[in-house]
Each structure stands twice: as C-alpha cells, then as structure tokens.
Amino acid sequence: FYDDSILGMTPDGAITFQKSVIEILEENGFDYLIHQPNEILDPLHLNDVQPVPGAGAFWEEGDLFVSLRNVSMVFLYRPSSNKIIWHRFGPWSNQHDVDIISDSAIAIFDNNLIKSGGRMKVDGQNDVIVYDFATDQISYPLHAALKQADVRTLRQGLMDFDADANLWIVEETEQGRLLGLDG
C-alpha cells in the first residue's frame, strides 16, 4: 500500500517538514478517499507538489498545491496549520502538473482519462485547465491547439509557460513530443 509523503528540505539537506499524504487527508476529513473497498495499492497517487512562491489573496508563502491523480483531486495545503485550504475534484481526470500562473490562477495538465472496456484511455485529447480563484471559473486556453495536435499521454504529461502565460510548452511524455503552443 503506497503512502506518499511530502518532504521539505533546506538547500543543505536538513529536513524542515515531513507529512504523509494519508495523514493530511485523514486529519482534514478526507479519509474516505483512502479506504476504498476494492483494495487499491495506490488509491491516491501523488504526482505533483507545487510550492507557492509568495503570499497572495488566495494563498500564503509556504502553502503547497498537491495533485492526487487517482482521485482526480487538486488541493491547496497549508503545512503551518496542517489544513487543506481549498480542494476540487475535476473537471480534470487523472491529472498531472499543477502550476501557478498568476496571483489568482492555477493551471492543471488534464490527462482526461476514462475507463473503456476495462482499460483507461484518453477521452479526446489531453487538456490544460485553468482555475481562477478570483472568479471561481474554469477555462481551457489550449483546447483547440491540443486537439489539433492530438495530444494523448495516458499517465504522464507536463506543461510550462512564459511570464504572461502566452506561450505554453506541453510535454506529451509517452509519445516523446514537446510542443510550443500559443495561449
């Protein structure tokens, strides 16, 4: 049974923080995500922890965005108080890579997986979903470009962007492609 942990370290290797993701979820009322009846070895699958670089209206310096692939959940965790400040399940599915793109928005690489015939497959194409905390709105800035490029990575994938979130780099990991796309 996998029990991933989040670990903070100084540049010289001293541990400043260590907490099991299962403990975080249990202590914040999400234990139902862990104890599933079908005996999954990896019920959560931690695939990204994005540190918040500075304080803002919706987060504080030291907060962490955490992506749990197998439950399609992204949450904002505050280690200083051991609290999940915000969370959301979807509309992404089996997502990877959470990035902060402004003082009020995050982008999530959506693998967009569905089960079909007992197997997982990409439903259409992968996507990049932007969630804006200020407006509580979702947008898909690269949907048309990712559809045209037929981006379909099942269990991996990354994105990055320039300072204005106008040029996006998307890694279609399993196909070995790196795409530069206009946002």
N, C-alpha and C. Protein backbone atom coordinates (compact mmCIF):
# COMPACT_ATOMS: atom_id res chain seq x y z
N PHE A 1 0.85 -1.18 0.00
CA PHE A 1 0.00 0.00 0.00
C PHE A 1 0.89 1.23 0.00
N TYR A 2 0.73 2.08 -0.99
CA TYR A 2 1.56 3.28 -1.11
C TYR A 2 1.06 4.37 -0.18
N ASP A 3 1.99 4.98 0.55
CA ASP A 3 1.69 6.11 1.43
C ASP A 3 2.73 7.18 1.15
N ASP A 4 2.48 7.99 0.12
CA ASP A 4 3.41 9.04 -0.27
C ASP A 4 3.49 10.09 0.82
N SER A 5 4.63 10.76 0.89
CA SER A 5 4.83 11.84 1.86
C SER A 5 5.33 13.08 1.16
N ILE A 6 5.09 14.21 1.80
CA ILE A 6 5.62 15.49 1.35
C ILE A 6 6.76 15.84 2.29
N LEU A 7 7.89 16.21 1.72
CA LEU A 7 9.09 16.47 2.49
C LEU A 7 9.64 17.83 2.11
N GLY A 8 9.91 18.67 3.11
CA GLY A 8 10.55 19.95 2.88
C GLY A 8 11.99 19.87 3.36
N MET A 9 12.90 20.47 2.58
CA MET A 9 14.32 20.43 2.94
C MET A 9 14.98 21.78 2.68
N THR A 10 15.99 22.07 3.47
CA THR A 10 16.82 23.24 3.22
C THR A 10 17.81 22.90 2.12
N PRO A 11 18.45 23.90 1.50
CA PRO A 11 19.44 23.62 0.45
C PRO A 11 20.59 22.71 0.93
N ASP A 12 20.88 22.71 2.23
CA ASP A 12 21.96 21.84 2.71
C ASP A 12 21.46 20.46 3.16
N GLY A 13 20.17 20.17 2.92
CA GLY A 13 19.66 18.83 3.17
C GLY A 13 18.97 18.59 4.50
N ALA A 14 18.81 19.61 5.31
CA ALA A 14 18.12 19.44 6.60
C ALA A 14 16.61 19.36 6.35
N ILE A 15 15.95 18.40 6.94
CA ILE A 15 14.51 18.24 6.79
C ILE A 15 13.79 19.27 7.64
N THR A 16 12.89 20.02 7.00
CA THR A 16 12.12 21.06 7.70
C THR A 16 10.66 20.66 7.90
N PHE A 17 10.21 19.70 7.10
CA PHE A 17 8.80 19.28 7.17
C PHE A 17 8.68 17.90 6.56
N GLN A 18 7.89 17.05 7.19
CA GLN A 18 7.58 15.75 6.61
C GLN A 18 6.20 15.32 7.08
N LYS A 19 5.35 14.98 6.11
CA LYS A 19 3.98 14.58 6.45
C LYS A 19 3.47 13.63 5.39
N SER A 20 2.86 12.56 5.83
CA SER A 20 2.24 11.60 4.94
C SER A 20 0.99 12.22 4.32
N VAL A 21 0.78 11.98 3.02
CA VAL A 21 -0.42 12.48 2.35
C VAL A 21 -1.66 11.85 2.97
N ILE A 22 -1.57 10.60 3.36
CA ILE A 22 -2.69 9.93 4.02
C ILE A 22 -3.02 10.63 5.34
N GLU A 23 -1.99 10.98 6.11
CA GLU A 23 -2.23 11.71 7.36
C GLU A 23 -2.90 13.06 7.09
N ILE A 24 -2.42 13.76 6.08
CA ILE A 24 -3.01 15.06 5.73
C ILE A 24 -4.49 14.90 5.42
N LEU A 25 -4.82 13.92 4.60
CA LEU A 25 -6.22 13.70 4.23
C LEU A 25 -7.06 13.27 5.42
N GLU A 26 -6.56 12.34 6.23
CA GLU A 26 -7.30 11.88 7.40
C GLU A 26 -7.56 13.02 8.37
N GLU A 27 -6.56 13.84 8.61
CA GLU A 27 -6.67 14.93 9.58
C GLU A 27 -7.51 16.09 9.07
N ASN A 28 -7.88 16.05 7.77
CA ASN A 28 -8.71 17.09 7.18
C ASN A 28 -10.06 16.56 6.69
N GLY A 29 -10.45 15.37 7.15
CA GLY A 29 -11.78 14.84 6.85
C GLY A 29 -11.95 14.17 5.50
N PHE A 30 -10.85 13.80 4.85
CA PHE A 30 -10.92 13.13 3.55
C PHE A 30 -10.50 11.68 3.61
N ASP A 31 -10.64 11.05 4.77
CA ASP A 31 -10.20 9.66 4.91
C ASP A 31 -10.98 8.70 4.02
N TYR A 32 -12.18 9.06 3.60
CA TYR A 32 -12.96 8.20 2.71
C TYR A 32 -12.28 7.98 1.37
N LEU A 33 -11.35 8.86 0.98
CA LEU A 33 -10.61 8.68 -0.27
C LEU A 33 -9.58 7.57 -0.18
N ILE A 34 -9.15 7.27 1.02
CA ILE A 34 -8.06 6.32 1.25
C ILE A 34 -8.56 4.90 1.36
N HIS A 35 -9.60 4.71 2.13
CA HIS A 35 -10.07 3.38 2.47
C HIS A 35 -11.15 2.94 1.50
N GLN A 36 -10.73 2.49 0.33
CA GLN A 36 -11.65 2.09 -0.72
C GLN A 36 -11.88 0.57 -0.65
N PRO A 37 -13.07 0.12 -0.99
CA PRO A 37 -13.39 -1.29 -0.83
C PRO A 37 -12.69 -2.23 -1.81
N ASN A 38 -12.13 -1.72 -2.89
CA ASN A 38 -11.54 -2.61 -3.89
C ASN A 38 -10.04 -2.80 -3.73
N GLU A 39 -9.50 -2.55 -2.56
CA GLU A 39 -8.11 -2.85 -2.20
C GLU A 39 -7.09 -2.33 -3.21
N ILE A 40 -7.19 -1.07 -3.52
CA ILE A 40 -6.23 -0.44 -4.43
C ILE A 40 -4.91 -0.24 -3.70
N LEU A 41 -3.80 -0.63 -4.32
CA LEU A 41 -2.48 -0.44 -3.71
C LEU A 41 -2.05 1.02 -3.71
N ASP A 42 -2.55 1.79 -4.66
CA ASP A 42 -2.17 3.19 -4.80
C ASP A 42 -3.44 4.03 -4.96
N PRO A 43 -4.21 4.19 -3.87
CA PRO A 43 -5.51 4.85 -4.01
C PRO A 43 -5.42 6.33 -4.39
N LEU A 44 -4.30 6.97 -4.12
CA LEU A 44 -4.19 8.41 -4.34
C LEU A 44 -3.29 8.78 -5.51
N HIS A 45 -2.09 8.26 -5.53
CA HIS A 45 -1.02 8.55 -6.48
C HIS A 45 -0.68 10.04 -6.51
N LEU A 46 0.14 10.43 -5.58
CA LEU A 46 0.68 11.80 -5.54
C LEU A 46 1.58 11.98 -6.76
N ASN A 47 1.25 12.98 -7.60
CA ASN A 47 2.09 13.18 -8.78
C ASN A 47 2.63 14.59 -8.95
N ASP A 48 2.25 15.51 -8.08
CA ASP A 48 2.84 16.84 -8.15
C ASP A 48 2.61 17.58 -6.85
N VAL A 49 3.64 18.26 -6.39
CA VAL A 49 3.55 19.19 -5.26
C VAL A 49 4.17 20.48 -5.75
N GLN A 50 3.38 21.54 -5.79
CA GLN A 50 3.84 22.83 -6.30
C GLN A 50 3.89 23.83 -5.15
N PRO A 51 5.08 24.21 -4.70
CA PRO A 51 5.18 25.21 -3.62
C PRO A 51 4.71 26.58 -4.09
N VAL A 52 4.02 27.29 -3.22
CA VAL A 52 3.59 28.66 -3.51
C VAL A 52 4.77 29.58 -3.22
N PRO A 53 5.20 30.38 -4.20
CA PRO A 53 6.40 31.19 -4.02
C PRO A 53 6.24 32.42 -3.15
N GLY A 54 5.02 32.90 -2.96
CA GLY A 54 4.81 34.10 -2.16
C GLY A 54 3.34 34.26 -1.79
N ALA A 55 3.10 35.12 -0.82
CA ALA A 55 1.73 35.35 -0.34
C ALA A 55 0.90 36.07 -1.39
N GLY A 56 -0.39 35.81 -1.36
CA GLY A 56 -1.33 36.47 -2.25
C GLY A 56 -2.71 36.46 -1.62
N ALA A 57 -3.69 36.86 -2.36
CA ALA A 57 -5.06 36.93 -1.85
C ALA A 57 -5.65 35.56 -1.56
N PHE A 58 -5.13 34.51 -2.22
CA PHE A 58 -5.74 33.19 -2.10
C PHE A 58 -4.83 32.14 -1.48
N TRP A 59 -3.58 32.49 -1.22
CA TRP A 59 -2.64 31.56 -0.61
C TRP A 59 -1.55 32.33 0.12
N GLU A 60 -0.79 31.60 0.92
CA GLU A 60 0.32 32.19 1.68
C GLU A 60 1.62 31.53 1.26
N GLU A 61 2.71 32.26 1.44
CA GLU A 61 4.01 31.68 1.19
C GLU A 61 4.15 30.44 2.07
N GLY A 62 4.64 29.37 1.49
CA GLY A 62 4.78 28.10 2.22
C GLY A 62 3.64 27.13 1.96
N ASP A 63 2.52 27.61 1.40
CA ASP A 63 1.43 26.72 1.02
C ASP A 63 1.89 25.82 -0.14
N LEU A 64 1.17 24.73 -0.34
CA LEU A 64 1.51 23.77 -1.38
C LEU A 64 0.25 23.38 -2.16
N PHE A 65 0.35 23.40 -3.48
CA PHE A 65 -0.69 22.79 -4.30
C PHE A 65 -0.30 21.33 -4.50
N VAL A 66 -1.24 20.43 -4.28
CA VAL A 66 -0.98 18.99 -4.33
C VAL A 66 -1.95 18.36 -5.33
N SER A 67 -1.42 17.51 -6.21
CA SER A 67 -2.22 16.82 -7.20
C SER A 67 -2.24 15.32 -6.88
N LEU A 68 -3.44 14.77 -6.70
CA LEU A 68 -3.62 13.34 -6.46
C LEU A 68 -4.33 12.75 -7.68
N ARG A 69 -3.58 12.05 -8.48
CA ARG A 69 -4.08 11.56 -9.78
C ARG A 69 -5.27 10.61 -9.66
N ASN A 70 -5.16 9.59 -8.82
CA ASN A 70 -6.16 8.52 -8.84
C ASN A 70 -7.53 8.92 -8.29
N VAL A 71 -7.63 10.07 -7.64
CA VAL A 71 -8.94 10.57 -7.20
C VAL A 71 -9.29 11.88 -7.90
N SER A 72 -8.50 12.26 -8.90
CA SER A 72 -8.73 13.48 -9.70
C SER A 72 -8.94 14.70 -8.81
N MET A 73 -8.06 14.83 -7.81
CA MET A 73 -8.19 15.91 -6.82
C MET A 73 -6.94 16.80 -6.83
N VAL A 74 -7.17 18.09 -6.75
CA VAL A 74 -6.11 19.06 -6.51
C VAL A 74 -6.51 19.80 -5.25
N PHE A 75 -5.54 19.99 -4.35
CA PHE A 75 -5.84 20.76 -3.14
C PHE A 75 -4.71 21.69 -2.77
N LEU A 76 -5.07 22.74 -2.03
CA LEU A 76 -4.11 23.71 -1.51
C LEU A 76 -3.94 23.41 -0.03
N TYR A 77 -2.73 23.07 0.35
CA TYR A 77 -2.43 22.64 1.71
C TYR A 77 -1.52 23.66 2.39
N ARG A 78 -1.84 23.99 3.64
CA ARG A 78 -1.05 24.92 4.44
C ARG A 78 -0.34 24.12 5.54
N PRO A 79 0.94 23.77 5.34
CA PRO A 79 1.66 22.98 6.34
C PRO A 79 1.72 23.64 7.72
N SER A 80 1.77 24.97 7.76
CA SER A 80 1.91 25.67 9.05
C SER A 80 0.72 25.42 9.97
N SER A 81 -0.45 25.14 9.41
CA SER A 81 -1.63 24.87 10.23
C SER A 81 -2.19 23.46 10.01
N ASN A 82 -1.54 22.70 9.12
CA ASN A 82 -1.99 21.35 8.75
C ASN A 82 -3.43 21.36 8.23
N LYS A 83 -3.76 22.36 7.41
CA LYS A 83 -5.13 22.50 6.89
C LYS A 83 -5.14 22.46 5.36
N ILE A 84 -6.11 21.76 4.83
CA ILE A 84 -6.42 21.86 3.41
C ILE A 84 -7.31 23.09 3.26
N ILE A 85 -6.79 24.12 2.61
CA ILE A 85 -7.44 25.42 2.50
C ILE A 85 -8.50 25.42 1.38
N TRP A 86 -8.23 24.66 0.33
CA TRP A 86 -9.11 24.60 -0.83
C TRP A 86 -8.91 23.24 -1.48
N HIS A 87 -9.95 22.72 -2.08
CA HIS A 87 -9.82 21.49 -2.85
C HIS A 87 -10.87 21.45 -3.96
N ARG A 88 -10.57 20.64 -4.97
CA ARG A 88 -11.54 20.45 -6.04
C ARG A 88 -11.27 19.11 -6.72
N PHE A 89 -12.35 18.41 -7.02
CA PHE A 89 -12.30 17.18 -7.80
C PHE A 89 -12.77 17.55 -9.21
N GLY A 90 -11.88 17.47 -10.18
CA GLY A 90 -12.25 17.74 -11.56
C GLY A 90 -12.68 19.18 -11.80
N PRO A 91 -12.92 19.49 -13.07
CA PRO A 91 -13.32 18.63 -14.17
C PRO A 91 -12.18 17.82 -14.79
N TRP A 92 -10.98 17.96 -14.32
CA TRP A 92 -9.84 17.18 -14.80
C TRP A 92 -10.00 15.72 -14.37
N SER A 93 -9.31 14.84 -15.07
CA SER A 93 -9.39 13.42 -14.77
C SER A 93 -7.99 12.81 -14.88
N ASN A 94 -7.51 12.28 -13.77
CA ASN A 94 -6.18 11.67 -13.68
C ASN A 94 -5.09 12.66 -14.08
N GLN A 95 -5.21 13.87 -13.60
CA GLN A 95 -4.38 15.00 -13.95
C GLN A 95 -2.94 14.87 -13.43
N HIS A 96 -2.09 15.69 -14.02
CA HIS A 96 -0.69 15.86 -13.60
C HIS A 96 -0.38 17.35 -13.59
N ASP A 97 0.68 17.70 -12.96
CA ASP A 97 1.33 19.01 -13.08
C ASP A 97 0.41 20.20 -12.81
N VAL A 98 0.46 20.69 -11.59
CA VAL A 98 -0.23 21.93 -11.21
C VAL A 98 0.80 23.04 -11.21
N ASP A 99 0.49 24.15 -11.86
CA ASP A 99 1.38 25.32 -11.88
C ASP A 99 0.59 26.57 -11.54
N ILE A 100 1.23 27.48 -10.84
CA ILE A 100 0.63 28.77 -10.52
C ILE A 100 0.95 29.69 -11.69
N ILE A 101 -0.09 30.27 -12.31
CA ILE A 101 0.16 31.09 -13.50
C ILE A 101 -0.08 32.57 -13.26
N SER A 102 -0.70 32.92 -12.13
CA SER A 102 -0.88 34.33 -11.78
C SER A 102 -1.15 34.41 -10.28
N ASP A 103 -1.43 35.61 -9.78
CA ASP A 103 -1.70 35.74 -8.35
C ASP A 103 -3.09 35.24 -7.96
N SER A 104 -3.87 34.76 -8.96
CA SER A 104 -5.19 34.23 -8.64
C SER A 104 -5.56 32.98 -9.43
N ALA A 105 -4.62 32.42 -10.20
CA ALA A 105 -4.98 31.28 -11.05
C ALA A 105 -3.92 30.20 -11.07
N ILE A 106 -4.39 28.97 -11.26
CA ILE A 106 -3.51 27.82 -11.43
C ILE A 106 -3.87 27.14 -12.75
N ALA A 107 -2.91 26.43 -13.31
CA ALA A 107 -3.14 25.61 -14.49
C ALA A 107 -2.88 24.16 -14.12
N ILE A 108 -3.68 23.26 -14.69
CA ILE A 108 -3.59 21.84 -14.39
C ILE A 108 -3.51 21.09 -15.71
N PHE A 109 -2.52 20.20 -15.83
CA PHE A 109 -2.44 19.34 -17.01
C PHE A 109 -3.42 18.20 -16.83
N ASP A 110 -4.47 18.17 -17.65
CA ASP A 110 -5.54 17.19 -17.55
C ASP A 110 -5.27 16.03 -18.50
N ASN A 111 -5.03 14.85 -17.94
CA ASN A 111 -4.85 13.68 -18.80
C ASN A 111 -6.16 13.26 -19.45
N ASN A 112 -7.30 13.63 -18.84
CA ASN A 112 -8.61 13.42 -19.44
C ASN A 112 -8.87 11.95 -19.74
N LEU A 113 -8.68 11.11 -18.72
CA LEU A 113 -8.83 9.68 -18.90
C LEU A 113 -10.22 9.19 -18.55
N ILE A 114 -10.66 8.16 -19.26
CA ILE A 114 -11.90 7.45 -18.94
C ILE A 114 -11.62 5.96 -19.03
N LYS A 115 -12.46 5.17 -18.35
CA LYS A 115 -12.36 3.72 -18.48
C LYS A 115 -13.25 3.29 -19.64
N SER A 116 -12.69 2.43 -20.47
CA SER A 116 -13.43 1.92 -21.62
C SER A 116 -13.03 0.47 -21.84
N GLY A 117 -13.97 -0.44 -21.72
CA GLY A 117 -13.67 -1.85 -21.92
C GLY A 117 -12.67 -2.37 -20.91
N GLY A 118 -12.72 -1.84 -19.69
CA GLY A 118 -11.79 -2.28 -18.64
C GLY A 118 -10.41 -1.66 -18.73
N ARG A 119 -10.18 -0.79 -19.70
CA ARG A 119 -8.88 -0.14 -19.86
C ARG A 119 -9.06 1.37 -19.78
N MET A 120 -7.99 2.05 -19.44
CA MET A 120 -8.01 3.51 -19.43
C MET A 120 -7.62 4.01 -20.82
N LYS A 121 -8.29 5.10 -21.23
CA LYS A 121 -7.92 5.74 -22.49
C LYS A 121 -8.18 7.23 -22.37
N VAL A 122 -7.50 7.99 -23.21
CA VAL A 122 -7.70 9.43 -23.25
C VAL A 122 -9.02 9.70 -23.97
N ASP A 123 -9.85 10.51 -23.35
CA ASP A 123 -11.14 10.89 -23.92
C ASP A 123 -10.93 12.12 -24.79
N GLY A 124 -10.75 11.92 -26.07
CA GLY A 124 -10.44 13.02 -26.97
C GLY A 124 -8.95 13.29 -26.96
N GLN A 125 -8.54 14.30 -26.19
CA GLN A 125 -7.12 14.63 -26.07
C GLN A 125 -6.87 15.14 -24.65
N ASN A 126 -5.60 15.26 -24.30
CA ASN A 126 -5.23 15.91 -23.05
C ASN A 126 -5.61 17.38 -23.14
N ASP A 127 -5.65 18.04 -21.98
CA ASP A 127 -6.01 19.45 -21.99
C ASP A 127 -5.25 20.18 -20.89
N VAL A 128 -5.26 21.47 -20.95
CA VAL A 128 -4.76 22.32 -19.88
C VAL A 128 -5.97 23.10 -19.38
N ILE A 129 -6.23 22.96 -18.07
CA ILE A 129 -7.37 23.63 -17.46
C ILE A 129 -6.85 24.71 -16.53
N VAL A 130 -7.40 25.90 -16.65
CA VAL A 130 -7.03 27.00 -15.76
C VAL A 130 -8.20 27.23 -14.80
N TYR A 131 -7.87 27.24 -13.50
CA TYR A 131 -8.87 27.58 -12.49
C TYR A 131 -8.51 28.94 -11.91
N ASP A 132 -9.46 29.89 -11.94
CA ASP A 132 -9.25 31.23 -11.42
C ASP A 132 -9.96 31.36 -10.07
N PHE A 133 -9.20 31.55 -9.02
CA PHE A 133 -9.76 31.68 -7.67
C PHE A 133 -10.61 32.94 -7.52
N ALA A 134 -10.24 34.01 -8.21
CA ALA A 134 -10.96 35.27 -8.07
C ALA A 134 -12.37 35.20 -8.63
N THR A 135 -12.56 34.42 -9.69
CA THR A 135 -13.87 34.34 -10.33
C THR A 135 -14.55 33.00 -10.15
N ASP A 136 -13.83 32.01 -9.60
CA ASP A 136 -14.32 30.64 -9.47
C ASP A 136 -14.72 30.08 -10.84
N GLN A 137 -13.92 30.42 -11.85
CA GLN A 137 -14.19 29.99 -13.23
C GLN A 137 -13.09 29.07 -13.74
N ILE A 138 -13.50 28.21 -14.65
CA ILE A 138 -12.61 27.27 -15.34
C ILE A 138 -12.50 27.71 -16.79
N SER A 139 -11.29 27.63 -17.35
CA SER A 139 -11.12 27.90 -18.78
C SER A 139 -10.16 26.88 -19.38
N TYR A 140 -10.18 26.78 -20.68
CA TYR A 140 -9.38 25.80 -21.43
C TYR A 140 -8.59 26.55 -22.51
N PRO A 141 -7.51 27.24 -22.13
CA PRO A 141 -6.84 28.13 -23.08
C PRO A 141 -6.15 27.42 -24.25
N LEU A 142 -5.85 26.14 -24.13
CA LEU A 142 -5.14 25.42 -25.19
C LEU A 142 -5.98 24.34 -25.84
N HIS A 143 -7.27 24.32 -25.56
CA HIS A 143 -8.10 23.21 -26.03
C HIS A 143 -7.99 22.98 -27.54
N ALA A 144 -8.19 24.02 -28.32
CA ALA A 144 -8.16 23.86 -29.78
C ALA A 144 -6.78 23.41 -30.26
N ALA A 145 -5.72 23.99 -29.71
CA ALA A 145 -4.35 23.62 -30.13
C ALA A 145 -4.01 22.19 -29.74
N LEU A 146 -4.41 21.77 -28.54
CA LEU A 146 -4.13 20.39 -28.12
C LEU A 146 -4.96 19.39 -28.92
N LYS A 147 -6.16 19.78 -29.29
CA LYS A 147 -7.00 18.91 -30.13
C LYS A 147 -6.37 18.78 -31.52
N GLN A 148 -5.95 19.90 -32.09
CA GLN A 148 -5.34 19.86 -33.42
C GLN A 148 -4.06 19.04 -33.42
N ALA A 149 -3.28 19.13 -32.35
CA ALA A 149 -2.02 18.37 -32.24
C ALA A 149 -2.25 16.94 -31.78
N ASP A 150 -3.49 16.60 -31.41
CA ASP A 150 -3.87 15.26 -30.95
C ASP A 150 -2.96 14.78 -29.81
N VAL A 151 -2.88 15.58 -28.77
CA VAL A 151 -2.02 15.28 -27.62
C VAL A 151 -2.73 14.26 -26.73
N ARG A 152 -2.08 13.10 -26.52
CA ARG A 152 -2.70 11.99 -25.77
C ARG A 152 -1.65 11.22 -24.98
N THR A 153 -1.33 11.70 -23.82
CA THR A 153 -0.45 10.93 -22.95
C THR A 153 -1.30 10.39 -21.80
N LEU A 154 -1.20 9.11 -21.52
CA LEU A 154 -2.07 8.46 -20.54
C LEU A 154 -1.75 8.80 -19.10
N ARG A 155 -0.54 8.59 -18.68
CA ARG A 155 -0.23 8.66 -17.26
C ARG A 155 0.89 9.64 -16.91
N GLN A 156 1.21 10.51 -17.82
CA GLN A 156 2.25 11.50 -17.56
C GLN A 156 1.83 12.81 -18.20
N GLY A 157 2.75 13.70 -18.39
CA GLY A 157 2.47 14.96 -19.05
C GLY A 157 2.82 16.15 -18.18
N LEU A 158 3.38 17.16 -18.82
CA LEU A 158 3.79 18.38 -18.13
C LEU A 158 3.44 19.58 -18.99
N MET A 159 3.45 20.74 -18.33
CA MET A 159 3.28 22.00 -19.06
C MET A 159 4.12 23.06 -18.37
N ASP A 160 4.47 24.06 -19.11
CA ASP A 160 5.15 25.24 -18.58
C ASP A 160 4.73 26.40 -19.47
N PHE A 161 5.10 27.60 -19.09
CA PHE A 161 4.61 28.77 -19.81
C PHE A 161 5.55 29.93 -19.58
N ASP A 162 5.42 30.95 -20.45
CA ASP A 162 6.22 32.15 -20.27
C ASP A 162 5.57 33.04 -19.19
N ALA A 163 6.19 34.16 -18.90
CA ALA A 163 5.74 35.02 -17.79
C ALA A 163 4.32 35.53 -17.96
N ASP A 164 3.84 35.67 -19.18
CA ASP A 164 2.49 36.18 -19.42
C ASP A 164 1.48 35.08 -19.74
N ALA A 165 1.91 33.83 -19.65
CA ALA A 165 1.07 32.67 -19.99
C ALA A 165 0.55 32.78 -21.43
N ASN A 166 1.39 33.31 -22.32
CA ASN A 166 1.03 33.39 -23.73
C ASN A 166 1.63 32.24 -24.54
N LEU A 167 2.84 31.83 -24.18
CA LEU A 167 3.48 30.71 -24.85
C LEU A 167 3.54 29.56 -23.86
N TRP A 168 2.98 28.45 -24.24
CA TRP A 168 2.93 27.26 -23.38
C TRP A 168 3.79 26.16 -23.99
N ILE A 169 4.50 25.46 -23.14
CA ILE A 169 5.25 24.27 -23.56
C ILE A 169 4.52 23.08 -22.96
N VAL A 170 4.13 22.13 -23.78
CA VAL A 170 3.42 20.95 -23.31
C VAL A 170 4.26 19.73 -23.67
N GLU A 171 4.48 18.88 -22.67
CA GLU A 171 5.22 17.64 -22.88
C GLU A 171 4.23 16.48 -22.99
N GLU A 172 4.17 15.87 -24.13
CA GLU A 172 3.38 14.66 -24.34
C GLU A 172 4.33 13.50 -24.10
N THR A 173 4.53 13.17 -22.85
CA THR A 173 5.61 12.32 -22.39
C THR A 173 5.69 10.98 -23.10
N GLU A 174 4.61 10.24 -23.12
CA GLU A 174 4.66 8.88 -23.64
C GLU A 174 4.89 8.82 -25.15
N GLN A 175 4.60 9.89 -25.87
CA GLN A 175 4.87 9.93 -27.30
C GLN A 175 6.18 10.65 -27.61
N GLY A 176 6.83 11.18 -26.59
CA GLY A 176 8.12 11.82 -26.77
C GLY A 176 8.05 13.15 -27.52
N ARG A 177 6.92 13.86 -27.38
CA ARG A 177 6.79 15.14 -28.07
C ARG A 177 6.82 16.29 -27.07
N LEU A 178 7.41 17.39 -27.50
CA LEU A 178 7.42 18.64 -26.76
C LEU A 178 6.85 19.68 -27.71
N LEU A 179 5.74 20.31 -27.30
CA LEU A 179 5.05 21.24 -28.18
C LEU A 179 5.08 22.64 -27.60
N GLY A 180 5.33 23.64 -28.45
CA GLY A 180 5.20 25.04 -28.09
C GLY A 180 3.87 25.54 -28.65
N LEU A 181 3.00 26.02 -27.77
CA LEU A 181 1.65 26.40 -28.20
C LEU A 181 1.33 27.81 -27.75
N ASP A 182 0.55 28.51 -28.57
CA ASP A 182 0.07 29.85 -28.26
C ASP A 182 -1.11 29.77 -27.32
N GLY A 183 -1.11 30.57 -26.25
CA GLY A 183 -2.23 30.60 -25.32
C GLY A 183 -3.13 31.73 -25.67
